[in-house]
N, C-alpha and C. Protein backbone atom coordinates (compact mmCIF):
# COMPACT_ATOMS: atom_id res chain seq x y z
N THR A 1 51.19 89.30 181.13
CA THR A 1 52.45 88.86 180.52
C THR A 1 53.48 89.97 180.59
N ASP A 2 54.73 89.58 180.70
CA ASP A 2 55.80 90.57 180.72
C ASP A 2 55.94 91.21 179.35
N SER A 3 56.17 92.54 179.34
CA SER A 3 56.33 93.25 178.08
C SER A 3 57.35 94.34 178.27
N ASN A 4 58.18 94.53 177.23
CA ASN A 4 59.14 95.63 177.29
C ASN A 4 58.63 96.83 176.51
N TRP A 5 57.33 96.84 176.20
CA TRP A 5 56.75 97.97 175.48
C TRP A 5 56.67 99.18 176.40
N ALA A 6 57.04 100.32 175.84
CA ALA A 6 56.99 101.56 176.62
C ALA A 6 55.58 102.15 176.67
N VAL A 7 54.71 101.65 175.81
CA VAL A 7 53.36 102.21 175.71
C VAL A 7 52.38 101.07 175.49
N GLU A 8 51.18 101.22 176.09
CA GLU A 8 50.13 100.24 175.85
C GLU A 8 49.01 100.91 175.06
N TYR A 9 48.57 100.23 174.01
CA TYR A 9 47.50 100.77 173.17
C TYR A 9 46.19 100.07 173.50
N ASP A 10 45.11 100.81 173.41
CA ASP A 10 43.79 100.27 173.69
C ASP A 10 43.05 100.14 172.37
N VAL A 11 43.08 98.92 171.80
CA VAL A 11 42.38 98.68 170.54
C VAL A 11 42.10 97.19 170.43
N GLU A 12 40.93 96.86 169.92
CA GLU A 12 40.51 95.47 169.76
C GLU A 12 41.40 94.76 168.74
N PRO A 13 41.82 93.52 169.01
CA PRO A 13 42.62 92.80 168.02
C PRO A 13 41.79 92.36 166.82
N ILE A 14 42.48 92.00 165.76
CA ILE A 14 41.84 91.47 164.56
C ILE A 14 41.92 89.94 164.63
N ARG A 15 40.80 89.29 164.40
CA ARG A 15 40.76 87.82 164.37
C ARG A 15 40.54 87.38 162.94
N ILE A 16 41.41 86.51 162.43
CA ILE A 16 41.30 86.07 161.04
C ILE A 16 41.74 84.61 160.92
N ARG A 17 40.90 83.82 160.23
CA ARG A 17 41.23 82.42 160.03
C ARG A 17 42.28 82.28 158.92
N ASP A 18 43.01 81.19 158.99
CA ASP A 18 44.02 80.90 157.97
C ASP A 18 43.90 79.42 157.62
N PRO A 19 43.35 79.09 156.44
CA PRO A 19 43.12 77.68 156.10
C PRO A 19 44.39 76.84 156.06
N VAL A 20 45.51 77.46 155.69
CA VAL A 20 46.77 76.72 155.65
C VAL A 20 47.22 76.38 157.07
N ALA A 21 47.10 77.33 157.97
CA ALA A 21 47.46 77.08 159.37
C ALA A 21 46.58 75.99 159.97
N GLU A 22 45.31 75.98 159.58
CA GLU A 22 44.41 74.93 160.07
C GLU A 22 44.80 73.58 159.48
N ALA A 23 45.10 73.53 158.18
CA ALA A 23 45.46 72.27 157.52
C ALA A 23 46.73 71.68 158.11
N LEU A 24 47.66 72.54 158.49
CA LEU A 24 48.95 72.07 159.03
C LEU A 24 48.93 71.96 160.55
N ALA A 25 47.74 72.08 161.13
CA ALA A 25 47.55 71.92 162.58
C ALA A 25 48.32 72.94 163.40
N VAL A 26 48.54 74.11 162.79
CA VAL A 26 49.07 75.24 163.57
C VAL A 26 47.94 75.82 164.42
N LEU A 27 46.75 75.85 163.84
CA LEU A 27 45.55 76.29 164.53
C LEU A 27 44.54 75.15 164.55
N GLU A 28 43.69 75.11 165.58
CA GLU A 28 42.56 74.18 165.58
C GLU A 28 41.56 74.62 164.52
N PRO A 29 40.87 73.70 163.87
CA PRO A 29 39.90 74.09 162.83
C PRO A 29 38.90 75.12 163.35
N GLY A 30 38.77 76.22 162.60
CA GLY A 30 37.84 77.28 162.97
C GLY A 30 38.40 78.33 163.90
N ASP A 31 39.56 78.05 164.51
CA ASP A 31 40.17 79.03 165.41
C ASP A 31 40.97 80.04 164.60
N PRO A 32 40.90 81.33 164.99
CA PRO A 32 41.62 82.35 164.21
C PRO A 32 42.99 82.67 164.78
N PHE A 33 43.83 83.23 163.91
CA PHE A 33 44.97 83.99 164.40
C PHE A 33 44.43 85.26 165.04
N ILE A 34 45.09 85.71 166.10
CA ILE A 34 44.73 86.98 166.73
C ILE A 34 45.88 87.95 166.45
N VAL A 35 45.58 88.97 165.64
CA VAL A 35 46.58 89.95 165.22
C VAL A 35 46.32 91.24 165.99
N THR A 36 47.28 91.65 166.79
CA THR A 36 47.12 92.87 167.58
C THR A 36 47.76 94.06 166.86
N TYR A 37 47.44 95.25 167.33
CA TYR A 37 48.11 96.43 166.76
C TYR A 37 49.61 96.34 167.01
N GLU A 38 50.01 95.79 168.17
CA GLU A 38 51.44 95.64 168.45
C GLU A 38 52.12 94.75 167.41
N ASP A 39 51.41 93.74 166.91
CA ASP A 39 51.97 92.89 165.86
C ASP A 39 52.25 93.72 164.61
N VAL A 40 51.32 94.60 164.27
CA VAL A 40 51.50 95.45 163.09
C VAL A 40 52.65 96.44 163.31
N VAL A 41 52.79 96.92 164.54
CA VAL A 41 53.92 97.80 164.86
C VAL A 41 55.24 97.06 164.65
N LYS A 42 55.29 95.79 165.06
CA LYS A 42 56.51 95.00 164.85
C LYS A 42 56.81 94.87 163.36
N ALA A 43 55.77 94.65 162.56
CA ALA A 43 55.98 94.51 161.12
C ALA A 43 56.45 95.83 160.51
N ALA A 44 55.92 96.94 161.01
CA ALA A 44 56.28 98.26 160.47
C ALA A 44 57.61 98.76 161.02
N GLY A 45 57.89 98.40 162.26
CA GLY A 45 59.08 98.91 162.93
C GLY A 45 58.83 100.20 163.69
N HIS A 46 57.60 100.69 163.63
CA HIS A 46 57.27 101.92 164.34
C HIS A 46 55.76 102.03 164.49
N SER A 47 55.35 102.86 165.41
CA SER A 47 53.93 103.16 165.62
C SER A 47 53.71 104.61 165.23
N CYS A 48 52.82 104.83 164.27
CA CYS A 48 52.65 106.17 163.72
C CYS A 48 51.25 106.27 163.10
N PRO A 49 50.87 107.45 162.62
CA PRO A 49 49.55 107.57 161.99
C PRO A 49 49.36 106.69 160.76
N THR A 50 50.43 106.35 160.07
CA THR A 50 50.30 105.46 158.92
C THR A 50 50.05 104.02 159.37
N ALA A 51 50.83 103.54 160.32
CA ALA A 51 50.66 102.16 160.81
C ALA A 51 49.31 101.99 161.50
N SER A 52 48.94 102.93 162.36
CA SER A 52 47.66 102.81 163.06
C SER A 52 46.50 102.97 162.10
N GLY A 53 46.66 103.84 161.09
CA GLY A 53 45.63 103.98 160.07
C GLY A 53 45.45 102.71 159.28
N ALA A 54 46.56 102.05 158.90
CA ALA A 54 46.49 100.80 158.15
C ALA A 54 45.79 99.72 158.97
N TYR A 55 46.09 99.66 160.25
CA TYR A 55 45.46 98.68 161.13
C TYR A 55 43.95 98.88 161.17
N ARG A 56 43.55 100.13 161.35
CA ARG A 56 42.10 100.43 161.42
C ARG A 56 41.43 100.19 160.08
N ILE A 57 42.10 100.53 158.97
CA ILE A 57 41.54 100.27 157.64
C ILE A 57 41.28 98.77 157.48
N ALA A 58 42.27 97.94 157.83
CA ALA A 58 42.11 96.50 157.71
C ALA A 58 40.96 96.00 158.57
N LYS A 59 40.91 96.46 159.82
CA LYS A 59 39.86 95.98 160.73
C LYS A 59 38.49 96.44 160.27
N LYS A 60 38.38 97.69 159.85
CA LYS A 60 37.09 98.20 159.38
C LYS A 60 36.62 97.43 158.15
N GLY A 61 37.53 97.19 157.21
CA GLY A 61 37.17 96.48 155.99
C GLY A 61 36.73 95.05 156.28
N LEU A 62 37.48 94.35 157.11
CA LEU A 62 37.16 92.97 157.44
C LEU A 62 35.86 92.87 158.24
N ASP A 63 35.67 93.79 159.19
CA ASP A 63 34.43 93.78 159.98
C ASP A 63 33.21 94.00 159.08
N ALA A 64 33.36 94.88 158.09
CA ALA A 64 32.24 95.17 157.19
C ALA A 64 31.91 93.99 156.29
N LEU A 65 32.95 93.30 155.82
CA LEU A 65 32.73 92.17 154.92
C LEU A 65 32.29 90.90 155.64
N TYR A 66 32.67 90.78 156.89
CA TYR A 66 32.36 89.57 157.66
C TYR A 66 31.67 89.96 158.97
N PRO A 67 30.44 90.47 158.90
CA PRO A 67 29.78 90.93 160.14
C PRO A 67 29.44 89.81 161.11
N ASP A 68 29.22 88.60 160.59
CA ASP A 68 28.74 87.51 161.44
C ASP A 68 29.66 86.30 161.46
N GLU A 69 30.83 86.41 160.83
CA GLU A 69 31.75 85.28 160.80
C GLU A 69 33.17 85.81 160.74
N LEU A 70 34.13 84.90 160.89
CA LEU A 70 35.53 85.31 160.86
C LEU A 70 36.01 85.45 159.43
N PRO A 71 36.80 86.48 159.14
CA PRO A 71 37.41 86.58 157.81
C PRO A 71 38.41 85.45 157.60
N VAL A 72 38.71 85.19 156.32
CA VAL A 72 39.56 84.05 155.97
C VAL A 72 40.66 84.51 155.02
N ARG A 73 41.90 84.29 155.42
CA ARG A 73 43.02 84.58 154.52
C ARG A 73 42.90 83.71 153.26
N SER A 74 43.30 84.26 152.15
CA SER A 74 43.20 83.68 150.81
C SER A 74 41.82 83.87 150.19
N GLU A 75 40.87 84.45 150.95
CA GLU A 75 39.56 84.77 150.41
C GLU A 75 39.27 86.27 150.48
N VAL A 76 40.30 87.05 150.80
CA VAL A 76 40.17 88.50 150.89
C VAL A 76 41.10 89.14 149.87
N GLU A 77 40.52 89.88 148.94
CA GLU A 77 41.29 90.63 147.96
C GLU A 77 41.41 92.08 148.41
N VAL A 78 42.59 92.67 148.25
CA VAL A 78 42.85 94.04 148.67
C VAL A 78 43.30 94.84 147.46
N LEU A 79 42.64 95.99 147.22
CA LEU A 79 42.98 96.83 146.08
C LEU A 79 43.24 98.26 146.55
N ALA A 80 44.26 98.87 145.96
CA ALA A 80 44.62 100.25 146.28
C ALA A 80 44.57 101.09 145.01
N PRO A 81 44.13 102.34 145.09
CA PRO A 81 44.10 103.18 143.90
C PRO A 81 45.45 103.79 143.55
N GLY A 82 46.39 103.76 144.49
CA GLY A 82 47.70 104.36 144.26
C GLY A 82 48.75 103.32 143.94
N PRO A 83 49.95 103.77 143.54
CA PRO A 83 51.03 102.84 143.18
C PRO A 83 51.75 102.27 144.40
N ARG A 84 52.43 101.15 144.19
CA ARG A 84 53.14 100.49 145.28
C ARG A 84 54.28 101.35 145.80
N ASP A 85 54.89 102.19 144.93
CA ASP A 85 56.01 103.01 145.38
C ASP A 85 55.57 104.33 146.00
N ASP A 86 54.26 104.52 146.15
CA ASP A 86 53.75 105.69 146.86
C ASP A 86 54.07 105.53 148.35
N ALA A 87 54.53 106.61 148.99
CA ALA A 87 54.96 106.53 150.38
C ALA A 87 53.85 106.03 151.30
N THR A 88 52.63 106.46 151.05
CA THR A 88 51.51 106.04 151.90
C THR A 88 51.00 104.67 151.50
N TYR A 89 50.66 104.49 150.23
CA TYR A 89 50.06 103.23 149.80
C TYR A 89 51.03 102.06 149.90
N GLY A 90 52.31 102.30 149.68
CA GLY A 90 53.28 101.23 149.79
C GLY A 90 53.36 100.67 151.19
N VAL A 91 53.50 101.56 152.17
CA VAL A 91 53.61 101.13 153.57
C VAL A 91 52.30 100.52 154.05
N MET A 92 51.20 101.23 153.78
CA MET A 92 49.90 100.72 154.24
C MET A 92 49.58 99.38 153.58
N GLY A 93 49.87 99.27 152.28
CA GLY A 93 49.59 98.03 151.58
C GLY A 93 50.34 96.86 152.18
N ARG A 94 51.59 97.09 152.56
CA ARG A 94 52.39 96.02 153.16
C ARG A 94 51.80 95.58 154.50
N LEU A 95 51.34 96.53 155.30
CA LEU A 95 50.78 96.20 156.61
C LEU A 95 49.42 95.52 156.48
N ILE A 96 48.61 95.99 155.53
CA ILE A 96 47.31 95.35 155.31
C ILE A 96 47.51 93.95 154.74
N SER A 97 48.55 93.77 153.92
CA SER A 97 48.91 92.45 153.42
C SER A 97 49.30 91.53 154.58
N TYR A 98 50.04 92.05 155.54
CA TYR A 98 50.45 91.27 156.71
C TYR A 98 49.23 90.74 157.46
N VAL A 99 48.20 91.58 157.59
CA VAL A 99 46.99 91.17 158.31
C VAL A 99 46.16 90.18 157.49
N THR A 100 45.90 90.52 156.24
CA THR A 100 44.93 89.77 155.44
C THR A 100 45.54 88.58 154.71
N GLY A 101 46.87 88.58 154.56
CA GLY A 101 47.53 87.53 153.79
C GLY A 101 47.56 87.80 152.30
N ALA A 102 46.79 88.80 151.82
CA ALA A 102 46.74 89.09 150.39
C ALA A 102 48.11 89.56 149.90
N THR A 103 48.61 88.95 148.80
CA THR A 103 49.92 89.32 148.28
C THR A 103 49.86 89.50 146.77
N GLN A 104 50.95 90.04 146.24
CA GLN A 104 51.08 90.14 144.79
C GLN A 104 51.58 88.80 144.25
N GLU A 105 52.10 88.80 143.02
CA GLU A 105 52.43 87.52 142.37
C GLU A 105 53.53 86.74 143.07
N GLY A 106 54.33 87.43 143.90
CA GLY A 106 55.42 86.73 144.57
C GLY A 106 55.05 86.13 145.90
N GLY A 107 53.78 86.09 146.24
CA GLY A 107 53.37 85.60 147.55
C GLY A 107 53.23 84.09 147.64
N PHE A 108 52.65 83.65 148.74
CA PHE A 108 52.50 82.22 149.03
C PHE A 108 51.53 81.58 148.06
N ALA A 109 51.95 80.49 147.40
CA ALA A 109 51.14 79.85 146.36
C ALA A 109 50.19 78.79 146.91
N GLY A 110 50.18 78.60 148.20
CA GLY A 110 49.28 77.62 148.79
C GLY A 110 49.91 76.24 148.89
N LEU A 111 49.16 75.33 149.52
CA LEU A 111 49.58 73.94 149.62
C LEU A 111 49.26 73.23 148.30
N GLY A 112 49.58 71.94 148.22
CA GLY A 112 49.39 71.18 146.99
C GLY A 112 48.07 71.48 146.30
N GLY A 113 48.14 71.84 145.04
CA GLY A 113 46.93 72.19 144.31
C GLY A 113 46.46 73.61 144.54
N GLY A 114 47.25 74.39 145.27
CA GLY A 114 46.92 75.80 145.45
C GLY A 114 45.98 76.09 146.61
N TYR A 115 45.86 75.16 147.55
CA TYR A 115 44.98 75.40 148.70
C TYR A 115 45.55 76.53 149.56
N GLY A 116 44.76 77.60 149.74
CA GLY A 116 45.22 78.75 150.50
C GLY A 116 46.09 79.70 149.70
N ASP A 117 46.03 79.61 148.36
CA ASP A 117 46.82 80.48 147.48
C ASP A 117 46.48 81.95 147.75
N ARG A 118 47.51 82.77 147.98
CA ARG A 118 47.30 84.20 148.28
C ARG A 118 47.83 85.12 147.20
N ARG A 119 48.34 84.53 146.12
CA ARG A 119 48.93 85.35 145.07
C ARG A 119 47.86 86.15 144.33
N ASN A 120 48.28 87.33 143.86
CA ASN A 120 47.44 88.19 143.03
C ASN A 120 46.16 88.63 143.73
N LEU A 121 46.20 88.67 145.06
CA LEU A 121 45.08 89.20 145.84
C LEU A 121 45.34 90.62 146.31
N LEU A 122 46.53 91.13 146.08
CA LEU A 122 46.89 92.52 146.42
C LEU A 122 47.26 93.23 145.13
N THR A 123 46.52 94.29 144.80
CA THR A 123 46.75 94.99 143.55
C THR A 123 46.82 96.49 143.79
N PHE A 124 47.87 97.11 143.27
CA PHE A 124 48.00 98.57 143.32
C PHE A 124 47.52 99.15 141.98
N ASP A 125 47.25 100.47 141.98
CA ASP A 125 46.71 101.13 140.78
C ASP A 125 45.50 100.37 140.25
N ALA A 126 44.64 99.93 141.17
CA ALA A 126 43.56 99.00 140.81
C ALA A 126 42.25 99.68 140.46
N PHE A 127 42.03 100.88 140.96
CA PHE A 127 40.78 101.59 140.67
C PHE A 127 41.01 103.07 140.88
N GLU A 128 40.07 103.88 140.43
CA GLU A 128 40.16 105.32 140.61
C GLU A 128 39.36 105.72 141.84
N SER A 129 39.99 106.49 142.71
CA SER A 129 39.32 106.96 143.93
C SER A 129 39.00 108.44 143.79
N ASP A 130 37.82 108.81 144.25
CA ASP A 130 37.41 110.22 144.23
C ASP A 130 38.06 111.01 145.35
N SER A 131 38.66 110.31 146.31
CA SER A 131 39.19 110.96 147.50
C SER A 131 40.71 111.05 147.45
N ALA A 132 41.24 112.17 147.95
CA ALA A 132 42.69 112.29 148.09
C ALA A 132 43.17 111.54 149.33
N ALA A 133 42.25 111.18 150.23
CA ALA A 133 42.59 110.47 151.45
C ALA A 133 42.86 109.00 151.13
N PRO A 134 43.75 108.35 151.89
CA PRO A 134 44.05 106.93 151.64
C PRO A 134 42.77 106.08 151.65
N THR A 135 42.59 105.30 150.60
CA THR A 135 41.40 104.47 150.43
C THR A 135 41.82 103.09 149.95
N PHE A 136 41.26 102.07 150.57
CA PHE A 136 41.50 100.69 150.15
C PHE A 136 40.17 99.99 149.93
N ARG A 137 40.15 99.12 148.92
CA ARG A 137 38.97 98.31 148.66
C ARG A 137 39.26 96.88 149.08
N PHE A 138 38.28 96.27 149.76
CA PHE A 138 38.38 94.87 150.18
C PHE A 138 37.24 94.10 149.52
N ARG A 139 37.56 92.92 148.96
CA ARG A 139 36.54 92.10 148.31
C ARG A 139 36.64 90.66 148.79
N ARG A 140 35.48 90.08 149.09
CA ARG A 140 35.42 88.66 149.40
C ARG A 140 35.38 87.88 148.09
N THR A 141 36.33 86.98 147.90
CA THR A 141 36.35 86.24 146.65
C THR A 141 35.25 85.18 146.60
N ASP A 142 34.69 84.82 147.77
CA ASP A 142 33.64 83.79 147.77
C ASP A 142 32.26 84.37 147.45
N THR A 143 32.03 85.64 147.79
CA THR A 143 30.71 86.24 147.57
C THR A 143 30.76 87.43 146.61
N ASP A 144 31.94 87.95 146.31
CA ASP A 144 32.16 89.12 145.47
C ASP A 144 31.69 90.42 146.13
N GLU A 145 31.30 90.36 147.40
CA GLU A 145 30.96 91.59 148.12
C GLU A 145 32.22 92.44 148.29
N ALA A 146 32.06 93.76 148.19
CA ALA A 146 33.22 94.64 148.30
C ALA A 146 32.87 95.90 149.09
N VAL A 147 33.84 96.40 149.83
CA VAL A 147 33.70 97.66 150.55
C VAL A 147 34.95 98.49 150.33
N GLU A 148 34.79 99.80 150.44
CA GLU A 148 35.94 100.70 150.43
C GLU A 148 36.03 101.39 151.78
N VAL A 149 37.25 101.47 152.29
CA VAL A 149 37.52 102.15 153.56
C VAL A 149 38.42 103.35 153.28
N THR A 150 37.94 104.53 153.67
CA THR A 150 38.71 105.76 153.50
C THR A 150 39.16 106.26 154.86
N TYR A 151 40.42 106.64 154.94
CA TYR A 151 41.06 107.13 156.17
C TYR A 151 41.27 108.63 156.03
N HIS A 152 40.52 109.38 156.82
CA HIS A 152 40.57 110.84 156.72
C HIS A 152 41.77 111.38 157.51
N VAL A 153 42.94 111.13 156.95
CA VAL A 153 44.18 111.43 157.66
C VAL A 153 44.35 112.92 157.90
N SER A 154 43.77 113.76 157.06
CA SER A 154 43.90 115.21 157.25
C SER A 154 43.17 115.68 158.51
N GLU A 155 42.29 114.85 159.05
CA GLU A 155 41.54 115.21 160.26
C GLU A 155 42.18 114.67 161.53
N VAL A 156 43.30 113.99 161.39
CA VAL A 156 44.01 113.49 162.57
C VAL A 156 44.59 114.68 163.34
N PRO A 157 44.42 114.71 164.67
CA PRO A 157 45.00 115.82 165.45
C PRO A 157 46.49 115.93 165.25
N ASP A 158 47.02 117.17 165.26
CA ASP A 158 48.42 117.37 164.88
C ASP A 158 49.43 117.06 165.98
N GLY A 159 48.96 116.87 167.18
CA GLY A 159 49.88 116.47 168.26
C GLY A 159 50.52 117.63 169.00
N GLY A 160 50.43 118.83 168.46
CA GLY A 160 50.92 120.00 169.16
C GLY A 160 52.43 120.21 169.04
N PRO A 161 52.95 121.24 169.75
CA PRO A 161 54.35 121.65 169.59
C PRO A 161 55.37 120.63 170.10
N ALA A 162 54.95 119.71 170.98
CA ALA A 162 55.91 118.74 171.53
C ALA A 162 56.52 117.88 170.44
N LEU A 163 55.82 117.70 169.32
CA LEU A 163 56.35 116.86 168.25
C LEU A 163 57.52 117.51 167.54
N GLY A 164 57.74 118.81 167.80
CA GLY A 164 58.88 119.51 167.22
C GLY A 164 60.21 119.07 167.80
N ASN A 165 60.17 118.21 168.84
CA ASN A 165 61.41 117.76 169.49
C ASN A 165 62.03 116.54 168.82
N LEU A 166 61.42 116.05 167.73
CA LEU A 166 61.88 114.79 167.15
C LEU A 166 63.35 114.86 166.72
N GLN A 167 63.76 115.95 166.09
CA GLN A 167 65.12 116.02 165.58
C GLN A 167 66.14 115.93 166.72
N GLN A 168 65.83 116.60 167.83
CA GLN A 168 66.74 116.54 168.99
C GLN A 168 66.78 115.14 169.59
N ILE A 169 65.63 114.45 169.55
CA ILE A 169 65.59 113.08 170.07
C ILE A 169 66.44 112.17 169.19
N ILE A 170 66.32 112.33 167.87
CA ILE A 170 67.12 111.53 166.94
C ILE A 170 68.61 111.77 167.18
N GLU A 171 68.97 113.03 167.42
CA GLU A 171 70.39 113.39 167.60
C GLU A 171 70.89 113.08 169.00
N GLY A 172 69.97 112.75 169.91
CA GLY A 172 70.36 112.44 171.28
C GLY A 172 70.62 113.65 172.14
N THR A 173 70.14 114.83 171.70
CA THR A 173 70.40 116.05 172.46
C THR A 173 69.17 116.53 173.24
N ALA A 174 68.06 115.79 173.16
CA ALA A 174 66.83 116.22 173.83
C ALA A 174 66.92 115.97 175.33
N HIS A 175 66.32 116.87 176.11
CA HIS A 175 66.21 116.65 177.56
C HIS A 175 65.18 115.55 177.83
N GLU A 176 65.28 114.91 178.97
CA GLU A 176 64.36 113.82 179.31
C GLU A 176 62.92 114.30 179.34
N ASP A 177 62.69 115.52 179.87
CA ASP A 177 61.32 116.06 179.89
C ASP A 177 60.78 116.23 178.47
N ASP A 178 61.65 116.65 177.55
CA ASP A 178 61.22 116.82 176.16
C ASP A 178 60.89 115.46 175.54
N ARG A 179 61.68 114.45 175.89
CA ARG A 179 61.40 113.10 175.38
C ARG A 179 60.04 112.61 175.87
N LYS A 180 59.76 112.85 177.14
CA LYS A 180 58.47 112.40 177.71
C LYS A 180 57.31 113.14 177.06
N MET A 181 57.47 114.44 176.88
CA MET A 181 56.40 115.23 176.26
C MET A 181 56.17 114.78 174.81
N PHE A 182 57.27 114.51 174.12
CA PHE A 182 57.15 114.02 172.75
C PHE A 182 56.41 112.68 172.73
N ALA A 183 56.82 111.76 173.60
CA ALA A 183 56.21 110.43 173.62
C ALA A 183 54.72 110.52 173.90
N GLU A 184 54.33 111.35 174.86
CA GLU A 184 52.91 111.49 175.19
C GLU A 184 52.13 112.05 174.01
N ALA A 185 52.69 113.05 173.34
CA ALA A 185 52.00 113.66 172.20
C ALA A 185 51.92 112.68 171.03
N TRP A 186 53.03 112.00 170.77
CA TRP A 186 53.09 111.07 169.62
C TRP A 186 52.10 109.92 169.82
N HIS A 187 52.17 109.28 170.99
CA HIS A 187 51.33 108.10 171.21
C HIS A 187 49.88 108.49 171.48
N GLY A 188 49.66 109.69 172.00
CA GLY A 188 48.29 110.17 172.14
C GLY A 188 47.62 110.33 170.79
N ARG A 189 48.40 110.78 169.82
CA ARG A 189 47.90 110.95 168.46
C ARG A 189 47.57 109.58 167.85
N VAL A 190 48.46 108.62 168.05
CA VAL A 190 48.21 107.26 167.55
C VAL A 190 46.96 106.68 168.21
N GLN A 191 46.83 106.86 169.53
CA GLN A 191 45.66 106.30 170.22
C GLN A 191 44.37 106.94 169.72
N ALA A 192 44.43 108.23 169.36
CA ALA A 192 43.24 108.89 168.80
C ALA A 192 42.81 108.20 167.51
N ILE A 193 43.78 107.83 166.68
CA ILE A 193 43.47 107.13 165.42
C ILE A 193 42.89 105.75 165.71
N LEU A 194 43.42 105.07 166.72
CA LEU A 194 42.94 103.73 167.08
C LEU A 194 41.56 103.77 167.71
N SER A 195 41.13 104.93 168.19
CA SER A 195 39.87 105.03 168.93
C SER A 195 38.76 105.76 168.18
N ASP A 196 39.10 106.67 167.28
CA ASP A 196 38.12 107.60 166.71
C ASP A 196 37.54 107.06 165.40
N ASP A 197 36.29 106.60 165.47
CA ASP A 197 35.64 106.05 164.28
C ASP A 197 35.34 107.11 163.23
N SER A 198 35.29 108.37 163.63
CA SER A 198 34.95 109.43 162.67
C SER A 198 36.06 109.66 161.65
N LEU A 199 37.25 109.11 161.91
CA LEU A 199 38.37 109.26 160.98
C LEU A 199 38.29 108.29 159.81
N PHE A 200 37.28 107.39 159.82
CA PHE A 200 37.17 106.36 158.80
C PHE A 200 35.75 106.29 158.24
N THR A 201 35.65 106.10 156.95
CA THR A 201 34.37 105.91 156.29
C THR A 201 34.39 104.58 155.56
N VAL A 202 33.33 103.79 155.74
CA VAL A 202 33.21 102.50 155.07
C VAL A 202 31.99 102.55 154.16
N THR A 203 32.18 102.23 152.88
CA THR A 203 31.07 102.21 151.94
C THR A 203 31.07 100.91 151.15
N SER A 204 29.88 100.39 150.88
CA SER A 204 29.74 99.22 150.00
C SER A 204 29.92 99.69 148.56
N VAL A 205 30.57 98.86 147.74
CA VAL A 205 30.78 99.23 146.35
C VAL A 205 30.47 98.03 145.46
N GLU A 206 30.08 98.36 144.25
CA GLU A 206 29.95 97.33 143.22
C GLU A 206 31.35 97.09 142.67
N HIS A 207 31.84 95.89 142.85
CA HIS A 207 33.20 95.60 142.39
C HIS A 207 33.20 95.32 140.91
N GLU A 208 34.12 95.97 140.19
CA GLU A 208 34.25 95.76 138.76
C GLU A 208 35.26 94.65 138.50
N THR A 209 34.80 93.58 137.90
CA THR A 209 35.71 92.47 137.63
C THR A 209 36.41 92.67 136.31
């Protein structure tokens, strides 16, 4: 397919069912939406360690909760230990919400009778985390199984000196070679996050209701 993307990322897409889409014949019954990292980039407006980390957190959490079946929107609860106005948790929470459908009280209330209701499935300041690294908890509302995914962002490679050219790029004063070096370093760093499983830890947890 034709694409105007300047960079191609190598990462498996997320497949997730949506009961409302199935009911309204947007999807065939049992068929999932396919959410790519590029979709998350569109939602964020940029590709960076936060966006790529959020994508991997969502995929890791969903894969752990649904090892043998497709995850289902409106049956996945997402909890964050930090506040919504936190620079990291706010952005990551919004992107994980985009993937999972989980929203706060202002979200989609479902079809008649609340079918596919996604409200109150995203909660900030929801639990205490022992880690300073970004951590999200995912819970299946049908089985109450829960996992926590921690993103070891401090271990992400720093990208090297080429990233120091950002200010000149913003101002439009960077040379073309500097732009290319910056792009390679920036997107190489993102691809490392999309590829390196050691940057993420998944643990099963007893969910406190």
